[in-house]
Amino acid sequence: MPSRITRPALVLAAFVAGLVACFGAVLWLTRGPAAISVPQSTVGGPFQLTDQDGKPISDDSFRGKPFLVFFGFTHCPDICPTTLFEVSEVMRALGPDADRTAALFISVDPERDTPAKLKDYLSSFDPHLRGATGSPETIAAAAKTYRVYYKKVPTEKDDYTMDHTAIVYLMDKNGRFVAPFNLRRPPEQAAADLRKYF
């Protein structure tokens, strides 16, 4: 037989469980399974930056075409150049269809990544790749819209590197986030996937 101490706890637990079950049943009956929706993604959004030619660039610059977004920095030793090479290979695999999409490389290191530095850096990759930089504040605002983490990390001899999120974001024609874009596959396969959003 339960003791006097545990009996109220058991009654309370049974009451709460019944209340939860009742609420669930009411929700099911009034809304139905089809009425339950997944909230829209909050990844991506407005940004105002400067491209590698020193011209203003914003999310509106890409409206009407699907595009890829990647955050990084020009002093990145491996992940950034590898990713930009893989994006370049996808653009190559698209052939003439590459004009129907775009790719944006946003620097998380505005202190060193001037428009001129970005232009020189991107000259090694496909010309469909555009670079973007700005003030620390505008970069922080853009990173926040994409939920990108980045942080300056001191190294030897008063130098530094940048830790950052290394996701390639696929955005649709309306600038809405679709999914992380998988580059770990043959370029032709990735290109075929991208074509679905033209």
N, C-alpha and C. Protein backbone atom coordinates (compact mmCIF):
# COMPACT_ATOMS: atom_id res chain seq x y z
N MET A 1 0.86 -1.19 0.00
CA MET A 1 0.00 0.00 0.00
C MET A 1 0.89 1.24 0.00
N PRO A 2 0.59 2.24 -0.86
CA PRO A 2 1.44 3.42 -0.88
C PRO A 2 1.36 4.17 0.43
N SER A 3 2.46 4.79 0.81
CA SER A 3 2.49 5.59 2.03
C SER A 3 1.77 6.90 1.82
N ARG A 4 1.54 7.62 2.98
CA ARG A 4 0.85 8.91 2.89
C ARG A 4 1.64 9.93 2.09
N ILE A 5 2.94 9.78 2.05
CA ILE A 5 3.79 10.74 1.35
C ILE A 5 3.68 10.54 -0.16
N THR A 6 3.62 9.29 -0.63
CA THR A 6 3.62 9.05 -2.08
C THR A 6 2.24 9.09 -2.70
N ARG A 7 1.19 8.87 -1.89
CA ARG A 7 -0.16 8.84 -2.46
C ARG A 7 -0.55 10.15 -3.14
N PRO A 8 -0.33 11.33 -2.54
CA PRO A 8 -0.66 12.59 -3.23
C PRO A 8 0.14 12.76 -4.52
N ALA A 9 1.40 12.31 -4.50
CA ALA A 9 2.22 12.43 -5.71
C ALA A 9 1.67 11.58 -6.84
N LEU A 10 1.18 10.35 -6.48
CA LEU A 10 0.61 9.48 -7.50
C LEU A 10 -0.68 10.05 -8.07
N VAL A 11 -1.51 10.62 -7.20
CA VAL A 11 -2.76 11.24 -7.64
C VAL A 11 -2.48 12.41 -8.57
N LEU A 12 -1.50 13.24 -8.17
CA LEU A 12 -1.13 14.39 -8.99
C LEU A 12 -0.59 13.96 -10.35
N ALA A 13 0.25 12.93 -10.38
CA ALA A 13 0.82 12.43 -11.64
C ALA A 13 -0.27 11.89 -12.55
N ALA A 14 -1.23 11.17 -11.96
CA ALA A 14 -2.34 10.63 -12.76
C ALA A 14 -3.18 11.75 -13.34
N PHE A 15 -3.40 12.80 -12.53
CA PHE A 15 -4.19 13.95 -12.99
C PHE A 15 -3.50 14.65 -14.15
N VAL A 16 -2.19 14.89 -14.01
CA VAL A 16 -1.43 15.57 -15.07
C VAL A 16 -1.43 14.73 -16.34
N ALA A 17 -1.22 13.42 -16.22
CA ALA A 17 -1.22 12.55 -17.39
C ALA A 17 -2.57 12.58 -18.10
N GLY A 18 -3.65 12.55 -17.30
CA GLY A 18 -4.98 12.63 -17.89
C GLY A 18 -5.22 13.96 -18.59
N LEU A 19 -4.73 15.04 -17.98
CA LEU A 19 -4.89 16.37 -18.57
C LEU A 19 -4.16 16.46 -19.90
N VAL A 20 -2.95 15.93 -19.95
CA VAL A 20 -2.17 15.94 -21.19
C VAL A 20 -2.87 15.13 -22.27
N ALA A 21 -3.36 13.94 -21.91
CA ALA A 21 -4.06 13.09 -22.88
C ALA A 21 -5.32 13.78 -23.39
N CYS A 22 -6.04 14.43 -22.49
CA CYS A 22 -7.26 15.12 -22.87
C CYS A 22 -6.96 16.28 -23.82
N PHE A 23 -5.93 17.04 -23.49
CA PHE A 23 -5.55 18.18 -24.35
C PHE A 23 -5.13 17.68 -25.73
N GLY A 24 -4.37 16.58 -25.76
CA GLY A 24 -3.94 16.02 -27.05
C GLY A 24 -5.12 15.57 -27.89
N ALA A 25 -6.11 14.95 -27.24
CA ALA A 25 -7.30 14.50 -27.97
C ALA A 25 -8.09 15.67 -28.53
N VAL A 26 -8.23 16.71 -27.72
CA VAL A 26 -8.96 17.91 -28.18
C VAL A 26 -8.23 18.54 -29.36
N LEU A 27 -6.92 18.64 -29.27
CA LEU A 27 -6.14 19.22 -30.36
C LEU A 27 -6.28 18.40 -31.63
N TRP A 28 -6.25 17.09 -31.50
CA TRP A 28 -6.38 16.19 -32.65
C TRP A 28 -7.75 16.34 -33.31
N LEU A 29 -8.78 16.39 -32.49
CA LEU A 29 -10.14 16.45 -33.02
C LEU A 29 -10.46 17.81 -33.64
N THR A 30 -9.93 18.88 -33.07
CA THR A 30 -10.27 20.21 -33.58
C THR A 30 -9.40 20.64 -34.75
N ARG A 31 -8.16 20.20 -34.79
CA ARG A 31 -7.26 20.62 -35.86
C ARG A 31 -7.00 19.54 -36.88
N GLY A 32 -6.93 18.30 -36.43
CA GLY A 32 -6.64 17.20 -37.34
C GLY A 32 -5.16 17.15 -37.68
N PRO A 33 -4.68 16.01 -38.17
CA PRO A 33 -3.26 15.86 -38.48
C PRO A 33 -2.80 16.76 -39.60
N ALA A 34 -3.67 17.08 -40.56
CA ALA A 34 -3.25 17.90 -41.70
C ALA A 34 -3.07 19.35 -41.31
N ALA A 35 -3.67 19.76 -40.18
CA ALA A 35 -3.60 21.16 -39.80
C ALA A 35 -2.32 21.49 -39.06
N ILE A 36 -1.60 20.45 -38.61
CA ILE A 36 -0.35 20.70 -37.89
C ILE A 36 0.74 21.00 -38.90
N SER A 37 1.34 22.18 -38.79
CA SER A 37 2.33 22.60 -39.78
C SER A 37 3.69 22.80 -39.13
N VAL A 38 4.72 22.70 -39.96
CA VAL A 38 6.08 22.94 -39.52
C VAL A 38 6.38 24.42 -39.71
N PRO A 39 6.92 25.11 -38.69
CA PRO A 39 7.19 26.52 -38.86
C PRO A 39 8.19 26.77 -39.98
N GLN A 40 8.04 27.92 -40.64
CA GLN A 40 8.94 28.27 -41.73
C GLN A 40 10.35 28.47 -41.20
N SER A 41 11.33 28.15 -42.03
CA SER A 41 12.72 28.29 -41.63
C SER A 41 13.06 29.76 -41.40
N THR A 42 13.90 29.98 -40.42
CA THR A 42 14.35 31.34 -40.14
C THR A 42 15.81 31.52 -40.53
N VAL A 43 16.30 30.66 -41.40
CA VAL A 43 17.68 30.79 -41.90
C VAL A 43 17.67 31.68 -43.13
N GLY A 44 18.55 32.65 -43.16
CA GLY A 44 18.62 33.57 -44.29
C GLY A 44 17.74 34.78 -44.06
N GLY A 45 18.01 35.81 -44.84
CA GLY A 45 17.24 37.04 -44.71
C GLY A 45 17.99 38.20 -45.32
N PRO A 46 17.51 39.41 -45.07
CA PRO A 46 18.12 40.59 -45.68
C PRO A 46 19.56 40.82 -45.22
N PHE A 47 20.38 41.28 -46.15
CA PHE A 47 21.74 41.73 -45.82
C PHE A 47 22.13 42.84 -46.79
N GLN A 48 23.02 43.70 -46.35
CA GLN A 48 23.53 44.80 -47.17
C GLN A 48 25.05 44.78 -47.04
N LEU A 49 25.75 44.37 -48.10
CA LEU A 49 27.20 44.24 -48.06
C LEU A 49 27.83 44.90 -49.29
N THR A 50 29.11 44.66 -49.49
CA THR A 50 29.85 45.20 -50.63
C THR A 50 30.52 44.05 -51.36
N ASP A 51 30.41 44.01 -52.69
CA ASP A 51 31.00 42.89 -53.43
C ASP A 51 32.46 43.14 -53.75
N GLN A 52 33.07 42.20 -54.47
CA GLN A 52 34.50 42.27 -54.76
C GLN A 52 34.86 43.42 -55.71
N ASP A 53 33.86 44.01 -56.34
CA ASP A 53 34.10 45.16 -57.21
C ASP A 53 33.80 46.48 -56.50
N GLY A 54 33.53 46.41 -55.21
CA GLY A 54 33.24 47.61 -54.44
C GLY A 54 31.82 48.11 -54.60
N LYS A 55 30.95 47.29 -55.18
CA LYS A 55 29.56 47.69 -55.41
C LYS A 55 28.64 47.11 -54.33
N PRO A 56 27.54 47.80 -54.05
CA PRO A 56 26.59 47.25 -53.05
C PRO A 56 26.02 45.92 -53.53
N ILE A 57 25.84 45.03 -52.59
CA ILE A 57 25.23 43.73 -52.88
C ILE A 57 24.30 43.40 -51.72
N SER A 58 23.14 42.84 -52.04
CA SER A 58 22.17 42.51 -51.01
C SER A 58 21.46 41.22 -51.38
N ASP A 59 20.58 40.77 -50.51
CA ASP A 59 19.80 39.57 -50.81
C ASP A 59 18.94 39.78 -52.05
N ASP A 60 18.53 41.02 -52.30
CA ASP A 60 17.73 41.32 -53.49
C ASP A 60 18.50 41.11 -54.79
N SER A 61 19.83 41.14 -54.71
CA SER A 61 20.67 40.95 -55.90
C SER A 61 20.51 39.55 -56.49
N PHE A 62 19.95 38.61 -55.71
CA PHE A 62 19.86 37.22 -56.14
C PHE A 62 18.42 36.76 -56.38
N ARG A 63 17.47 37.67 -56.25
CA ARG A 63 16.08 37.28 -56.44
C ARG A 63 15.84 36.80 -57.86
N GLY A 64 15.03 35.75 -57.98
CA GLY A 64 14.70 35.21 -59.29
C GLY A 64 15.55 34.03 -59.70
N LYS A 65 16.56 33.68 -58.88
CA LYS A 65 17.39 32.51 -59.20
C LYS A 65 17.81 31.84 -57.89
N PRO A 66 17.92 30.52 -57.90
CA PRO A 66 18.45 29.86 -56.71
C PRO A 66 19.93 30.19 -56.57
N PHE A 67 20.40 30.23 -55.34
CA PHE A 67 21.82 30.55 -55.16
C PHE A 67 22.37 29.85 -53.92
N LEU A 68 23.70 29.73 -53.89
CA LEU A 68 24.41 29.11 -52.79
C LEU A 68 25.11 30.18 -51.97
N VAL A 69 25.15 30.03 -50.66
CA VAL A 69 25.83 30.97 -49.77
C VAL A 69 26.79 30.21 -48.88
N PHE A 70 28.01 30.75 -48.78
CA PHE A 70 29.03 30.14 -47.93
C PHE A 70 29.78 31.25 -47.20
N PHE A 71 29.95 31.10 -45.90
CA PHE A 71 30.71 32.06 -45.09
C PHE A 71 32.12 31.53 -44.86
N GLY A 72 33.11 32.37 -45.03
CA GLY A 72 34.49 31.96 -44.82
C GLY A 72 35.41 33.16 -44.82
N PHE A 73 36.69 32.94 -45.14
CA PHE A 73 37.64 34.05 -45.17
C PHE A 73 38.83 33.66 -46.04
N THR A 74 39.48 34.66 -46.61
CA THR A 74 40.52 34.40 -47.61
C THR A 74 41.79 33.79 -47.03
N HIS A 75 42.03 33.98 -45.73
CA HIS A 75 43.22 33.38 -45.11
C HIS A 75 42.96 31.96 -44.62
N CYS A 76 41.80 31.43 -44.90
CA CYS A 76 41.43 30.08 -44.49
C CYS A 76 42.37 29.07 -45.18
N PRO A 77 43.00 28.18 -44.43
CA PRO A 77 44.01 27.30 -45.02
C PRO A 77 43.46 26.13 -45.85
N ASP A 78 42.28 25.63 -45.55
CA ASP A 78 41.84 24.43 -46.26
C ASP A 78 40.34 24.38 -46.56
N ILE A 79 39.49 24.54 -45.56
CA ILE A 79 38.05 24.34 -45.77
C ILE A 79 37.48 25.30 -46.82
N CYS A 80 37.83 26.57 -46.71
CA CYS A 80 37.25 27.57 -47.64
C CYS A 80 37.70 27.34 -49.08
N PRO A 81 38.99 27.24 -49.35
CA PRO A 81 39.37 27.00 -50.75
C PRO A 81 38.84 25.69 -51.31
N THR A 82 38.77 24.66 -50.47
CA THR A 82 38.22 23.38 -50.93
C THR A 82 36.75 23.53 -51.28
N THR A 83 36.00 24.20 -50.42
CA THR A 83 34.57 24.39 -50.67
C THR A 83 34.34 25.22 -51.93
N LEU A 84 35.10 26.31 -52.09
CA LEU A 84 34.93 27.16 -53.27
C LEU A 84 35.33 26.42 -54.55
N PHE A 85 36.32 25.55 -54.46
CA PHE A 85 36.68 24.72 -55.62
C PHE A 85 35.52 23.78 -55.97
N GLU A 86 34.91 23.17 -54.95
CA GLU A 86 33.80 22.25 -55.20
C GLU A 86 32.59 22.99 -55.78
N VAL A 87 32.32 24.20 -55.29
CA VAL A 87 31.24 25.01 -55.87
C VAL A 87 31.56 25.35 -57.32
N SER A 88 32.83 25.67 -57.59
CA SER A 88 33.27 25.95 -58.96
C SER A 88 33.05 24.76 -59.88
N GLU A 89 33.28 23.57 -59.36
CA GLU A 89 33.07 22.35 -60.15
C GLU A 89 31.59 22.14 -60.46
N VAL A 90 30.72 22.50 -59.53
CA VAL A 90 29.28 22.41 -59.77
C VAL A 90 28.89 23.39 -60.87
N MET A 91 29.44 24.61 -60.81
CA MET A 91 29.14 25.61 -61.85
C MET A 91 29.63 25.13 -63.22
N ARG A 92 30.80 24.51 -63.23
CA ARG A 92 31.33 23.97 -64.49
C ARG A 92 30.41 22.89 -65.03
N ALA A 93 29.92 22.03 -64.12
CA ALA A 93 29.03 20.94 -64.54
C ALA A 93 27.69 21.47 -65.06
N LEU A 94 27.29 22.64 -64.60
CA LEU A 94 26.04 23.23 -65.07
C LEU A 94 26.14 23.75 -66.50
N GLY A 95 27.36 24.05 -66.93
CA GLY A 95 27.53 24.60 -68.28
C GLY A 95 26.82 25.93 -68.42
N PRO A 96 26.10 26.16 -69.52
CA PRO A 96 25.39 27.43 -69.72
C PRO A 96 24.34 27.71 -68.64
N ASP A 97 23.85 26.65 -67.99
CA ASP A 97 22.85 26.84 -66.94
C ASP A 97 23.42 27.53 -65.70
N ALA A 98 24.74 27.65 -65.61
CA ALA A 98 25.34 28.34 -64.47
C ALA A 98 24.89 29.79 -64.40
N ASP A 99 24.51 30.36 -65.55
CA ASP A 99 24.01 31.74 -65.56
C ASP A 99 22.65 31.86 -64.89
N ARG A 100 21.99 30.74 -64.65
CA ARG A 100 20.66 30.76 -64.04
C ARG A 100 20.72 30.59 -62.52
N THR A 101 21.92 30.58 -61.98
CA THR A 101 22.10 30.46 -60.54
C THR A 101 23.25 31.37 -60.12
N ALA A 102 23.65 31.31 -58.87
CA ALA A 102 24.76 32.13 -58.37
C ALA A 102 25.32 31.50 -57.11
N ALA A 103 26.49 31.96 -56.73
CA ALA A 103 27.11 31.52 -55.48
C ALA A 103 27.74 32.73 -54.82
N LEU A 104 27.54 32.84 -53.52
CA LEU A 104 28.03 34.00 -52.77
C LEU A 104 28.94 33.54 -51.63
N PHE A 105 30.12 34.13 -51.59
CA PHE A 105 31.11 33.87 -50.54
C PHE A 105 31.16 35.11 -49.65
N ILE A 106 30.65 35.00 -48.43
CA ILE A 106 30.62 36.13 -47.50
C ILE A 106 31.76 35.99 -46.50
N SER A 107 32.60 37.01 -46.44
CA SER A 107 33.75 36.97 -45.53
C SER A 107 33.32 37.21 -44.09
N VAL A 108 33.91 36.45 -43.19
CA VAL A 108 33.71 36.67 -41.75
C VAL A 108 34.94 37.38 -41.17
N ASP A 109 35.80 37.89 -42.07
CA ASP A 109 37.03 38.55 -41.65
C ASP A 109 37.14 39.92 -42.35
N PRO A 110 36.22 40.84 -42.03
CA PRO A 110 36.23 42.12 -42.73
C PRO A 110 37.49 42.96 -42.48
N GLU A 111 38.20 42.65 -41.40
CA GLU A 111 39.42 43.38 -41.08
C GLU A 111 40.48 43.20 -42.18
N ARG A 112 40.56 42.00 -42.75
CA ARG A 112 41.56 41.74 -43.79
C ARG A 112 40.94 41.60 -45.17
N ASP A 113 39.70 41.18 -45.24
CA ASP A 113 39.09 40.89 -46.55
C ASP A 113 38.40 42.12 -47.14
N THR A 114 39.20 42.95 -47.76
CA THR A 114 38.69 44.11 -48.48
C THR A 114 38.10 43.62 -49.81
N PRO A 115 37.34 44.47 -50.51
CA PRO A 115 36.87 44.07 -51.84
C PRO A 115 38.01 43.67 -52.77
N ALA A 116 39.12 44.42 -52.75
CA ALA A 116 40.26 44.10 -53.62
C ALA A 116 40.85 42.74 -53.27
N LYS A 117 40.95 42.44 -51.98
CA LYS A 117 41.48 41.14 -51.54
C LYS A 117 40.55 40.01 -52.00
N LEU A 118 39.24 40.22 -51.85
CA LEU A 118 38.27 39.21 -52.30
C LEU A 118 38.37 38.99 -53.81
N LYS A 119 38.51 40.08 -54.56
CA LYS A 119 38.58 39.97 -56.02
C LYS A 119 39.79 39.14 -56.44
N ASP A 120 40.92 39.41 -55.82
CA ASP A 120 42.13 38.65 -56.14
C ASP A 120 41.96 37.18 -55.75
N TYR A 121 41.38 36.93 -54.59
CA TYR A 121 41.19 35.56 -54.10
C TYR A 121 40.25 34.77 -55.00
N LEU A 122 39.14 35.39 -55.39
CA LEU A 122 38.14 34.68 -56.19
C LEU A 122 38.54 34.49 -57.64
N SER A 123 39.60 35.16 -58.07
CA SER A 123 40.06 35.00 -59.45
C SER A 123 40.54 33.57 -59.73
N SER A 124 40.77 32.80 -58.66
CA SER A 124 41.21 31.41 -58.80
C SER A 124 40.04 30.45 -58.96
N PHE A 125 38.80 30.97 -58.87
CA PHE A 125 37.63 30.10 -58.90
C PHE A 125 36.70 30.51 -60.05
N ASP A 126 35.58 29.79 -60.16
CA ASP A 126 34.62 30.07 -61.23
C ASP A 126 34.12 31.51 -61.15
N PRO A 127 33.97 32.17 -62.29
CA PRO A 127 33.53 33.57 -62.29
C PRO A 127 32.11 33.80 -61.79
N HIS A 128 31.33 32.74 -61.65
CA HIS A 128 29.98 32.90 -61.12
C HIS A 128 29.98 33.12 -59.60
N LEU A 129 31.12 32.88 -58.97
CA LEU A 129 31.22 33.12 -57.53
C LEU A 129 31.41 34.61 -57.28
N ARG A 130 30.59 35.15 -56.38
CA ARG A 130 30.72 36.54 -55.98
C ARG A 130 31.15 36.59 -54.53
N GLY A 131 31.93 37.59 -54.21
CA GLY A 131 32.39 37.77 -52.84
C GLY A 131 31.68 38.94 -52.20
N ALA A 132 31.60 38.93 -50.87
CA ALA A 132 30.96 40.03 -50.15
C ALA A 132 31.69 40.28 -48.84
N THR A 133 31.88 41.54 -48.54
CA THR A 133 32.47 41.95 -47.28
C THR A 133 31.73 43.19 -46.80
N GLY A 134 32.20 43.77 -45.73
CA GLY A 134 31.53 44.95 -45.19
C GLY A 134 32.14 45.34 -43.87
N SER A 135 31.43 46.14 -43.12
CA SER A 135 31.89 46.52 -41.79
C SER A 135 31.67 45.34 -40.84
N PRO A 136 32.34 45.35 -39.69
CA PRO A 136 32.08 44.28 -38.72
C PRO A 136 30.60 44.17 -38.36
N GLU A 137 29.90 45.30 -38.35
CA GLU A 137 28.49 45.29 -37.99
C GLU A 137 27.62 44.65 -39.07
N THR A 138 27.89 44.99 -40.35
CA THR A 138 27.07 44.41 -41.42
C THR A 138 27.37 42.93 -41.61
N ILE A 139 28.63 42.54 -41.40
CA ILE A 139 28.97 41.11 -41.46
C ILE A 139 28.27 40.36 -40.33
N ALA A 140 28.29 40.93 -39.14
CA ALA A 140 27.62 40.29 -38.00
C ALA A 140 26.12 40.15 -38.25
N ALA A 141 25.52 41.16 -38.88
CA ALA A 141 24.08 41.11 -39.17
C ALA A 141 23.78 40.02 -40.19
N ALA A 142 24.61 39.91 -41.24
CA ALA A 142 24.42 38.87 -42.25
C ALA A 142 24.60 37.48 -41.64
N ALA A 143 25.63 37.33 -40.82
CA ALA A 143 25.87 36.04 -40.18
C ALA A 143 24.71 35.64 -39.27
N LYS A 144 24.14 36.63 -38.61
CA LYS A 144 23.02 36.34 -37.71
C LYS A 144 21.81 35.84 -38.48
N THR A 145 21.55 36.41 -39.66
CA THR A 145 20.39 35.96 -40.44
C THR A 145 20.54 34.52 -40.89
N TYR A 146 21.80 34.09 -41.11
CA TYR A 146 22.05 32.72 -41.54
C TYR A 146 22.42 31.80 -40.37
N ARG A 147 22.35 32.34 -39.17
CA ARG A 147 22.70 31.57 -37.97
C ARG A 147 24.12 31.01 -38.06
N VAL A 148 25.02 31.82 -38.54
CA VAL A 148 26.42 31.42 -38.70
C VAL A 148 27.22 31.84 -37.47
N TYR A 149 27.98 30.90 -36.97
CA TYR A 149 28.92 31.17 -35.87
C TYR A 149 30.28 31.54 -36.46
N TYR A 150 30.92 32.56 -35.92
CA TYR A 150 32.32 32.83 -36.27
C TYR A 150 33.00 33.55 -35.11
N LYS A 151 34.29 33.35 -35.01
CA LYS A 151 35.04 33.93 -33.89
C LYS A 151 36.51 34.07 -34.27
N LYS A 152 37.08 35.20 -33.92
CA LYS A 152 38.52 35.42 -34.14
C LYS A 152 39.31 34.62 -33.11
N VAL A 153 40.32 33.89 -33.58
CA VAL A 153 41.15 33.07 -32.70
C VAL A 153 42.61 33.48 -32.86
N PRO A 154 43.22 34.05 -31.81
CA PRO A 154 44.62 34.47 -31.90
C PRO A 154 45.55 33.29 -32.15
N THR A 155 46.59 33.56 -32.95
CA THR A 155 47.63 32.56 -33.20
C THR A 155 48.99 33.19 -32.86
N GLU A 156 50.05 32.57 -33.32
CA GLU A 156 51.39 33.07 -32.99
C GLU A 156 51.70 34.37 -33.72
N LYS A 157 52.63 35.12 -33.18
CA LYS A 157 53.15 36.35 -33.79
C LYS A 157 52.06 37.39 -34.07
N ASP A 158 51.18 37.57 -33.09
CA ASP A 158 50.10 38.56 -33.18
C ASP A 158 49.20 38.37 -34.40
N ASP A 159 49.13 37.17 -34.92
CA ASP A 159 48.25 36.88 -36.05
C ASP A 159 46.97 36.25 -35.51
N TYR A 160 46.05 35.91 -36.40
CA TYR A 160 44.82 35.26 -35.97
C TYR A 160 44.23 34.47 -37.12
N THR A 161 43.35 33.56 -36.76
CA THR A 161 42.55 32.83 -37.73
C THR A 161 41.09 33.00 -37.34
N MET A 162 40.18 32.40 -38.10
CA MET A 162 38.76 32.53 -37.81
C MET A 162 38.12 31.14 -37.72
N ASP A 163 37.46 30.88 -36.61
CA ASP A 163 36.58 29.72 -36.53
C ASP A 163 35.25 30.14 -37.14
N HIS A 164 34.62 29.26 -37.90
CA HIS A 164 33.33 29.63 -38.49
C HIS A 164 32.54 28.42 -38.93
N THR A 165 31.24 28.61 -39.04
CA THR A 165 30.35 27.59 -39.57
C THR A 165 30.71 27.31 -41.02
N ALA A 166 30.78 26.05 -41.40
CA ALA A 166 31.21 25.69 -42.76
C ALA A 166 30.09 24.98 -43.52
N ILE A 167 28.94 25.61 -43.58
CA ILE A 167 27.79 25.05 -44.30
C ILE A 167 27.57 25.82 -45.58
N VAL A 168 27.25 25.13 -46.66
CA VAL A 168 26.83 25.79 -47.90
C VAL A 168 25.30 25.79 -47.89
N TYR A 169 24.73 26.98 -47.91
CA TYR A 169 23.27 27.13 -47.83
C TYR A 169 22.68 27.21 -49.24
N LEU A 170 21.65 26.41 -49.50
CA LEU A 170 20.92 26.51 -50.76
C LEU A 170 19.69 27.36 -50.53
N MET A 171 19.59 28.46 -51.27
CA MET A 171 18.45 29.37 -51.17
C MET A 171 17.64 29.29 -52.46
N ASP A 172 16.32 29.40 -52.37
CA ASP A 172 15.50 29.30 -53.57
C ASP A 172 15.38 30.65 -54.28
N LYS A 173 14.56 30.72 -55.32
CA LYS A 173 14.42 31.95 -56.12
C LYS A 173 13.93 33.14 -55.32
N ASN A 174 13.24 32.86 -54.22
CA ASN A 174 12.70 33.93 -53.39
C ASN A 174 13.57 34.25 -52.18
N GLY A 175 14.77 33.67 -52.18
CA GLY A 175 15.68 33.93 -51.07
C GLY A 175 15.36 33.15 -49.81
N ARG A 176 14.56 32.09 -49.93
CA ARG A 176 14.22 31.27 -48.78
C ARG A 176 15.17 30.08 -48.69
N PHE A 177 15.54 29.73 -47.49
CA PHE A 177 16.43 28.60 -47.26
C PHE A 177 15.75 27.29 -47.63
N VAL A 178 16.46 26.47 -48.42
CA VAL A 178 15.95 25.15 -48.81
C VAL A 178 16.56 24.07 -47.92
N ALA A 179 17.90 24.00 -47.92
CA ALA A 179 18.60 22.97 -47.16
C ALA A 179 20.11 23.21 -47.29
N PRO A 180 20.91 22.60 -46.41
CA PRO A 180 22.35 22.61 -46.65
C PRO A 180 22.62 21.90 -47.98
N PHE A 181 23.52 22.46 -48.78
CA PHE A 181 23.79 21.89 -50.10
C PHE A 181 24.97 20.94 -50.00
N ASN A 182 24.74 19.69 -50.39
CA ASN A 182 25.75 18.64 -50.28
C ASN A 182 26.73 18.70 -51.44
N LEU A 183 27.99 18.99 -51.14
CA LEU A 183 29.04 19.01 -52.16
C LEU A 183 29.85 17.74 -52.16
N ARG A 184 29.56 16.83 -51.24
CA ARG A 184 30.30 15.57 -51.16
C ARG A 184 29.69 14.52 -52.09
N ARG A 185 29.65 14.84 -53.37
CA ARG A 185 29.10 13.95 -54.39
C ARG A 185 29.64 14.44 -55.73
N PRO A 186 29.50 13.66 -56.78
CA PRO A 186 30.01 14.11 -58.09
C PRO A 186 29.38 15.45 -58.49
N PRO A 187 30.16 16.35 -59.09
CA PRO A 187 29.63 17.67 -59.47
C PRO A 187 28.39 17.59 -60.35
N GLU A 188 28.34 16.60 -61.24
CA GLU A 188 27.18 16.45 -62.13
C GLU A 188 25.91 16.16 -61.33
N GLN A 189 26.05 15.36 -60.28
CA GLN A 189 24.90 15.04 -59.43
C GLN A 189 24.44 16.27 -58.65
N ALA A 190 25.40 17.03 -58.11
CA ALA A 190 25.06 18.25 -57.39
C ALA A 190 24.42 19.27 -58.34
N ALA A 191 24.93 19.35 -59.56
CA ALA A 191 24.37 20.27 -60.56
C ALA A 191 22.94 19.89 -60.90
N ALA A 192 22.67 18.59 -61.04
CA ALA A 192 21.31 18.14 -61.34
C ALA A 192 20.36 18.50 -60.20
N ASP A 193 20.85 18.40 -58.98
CA ASP A 193 20.02 18.78 -57.83
C ASP A 193 19.71 20.28 -57.85
N LEU A 194 20.70 21.08 -58.16
CA LEU A 194 20.52 22.53 -58.20
C LEU A 194 19.55 22.93 -59.30
N ARG A 195 19.57 22.23 -60.42
CA ARG A 195 18.66 22.54 -61.54
C ARG A 195 17.19 22.42 -61.14
N LYS A 196 16.89 21.62 -60.14
CA LYS A 196 15.50 21.43 -59.72
C LYS A 196 14.88 22.74 -59.22
N TYR A 197 15.72 23.70 -58.85
CA TYR A 197 15.22 24.93 -58.26
C TYR A 197 15.22 26.10 -59.24
N PHE A 198 15.56 25.84 -60.52
CA PHE A 198 15.55 26.91 -61.53
C PHE A 198 14.12 27.40 -61.75
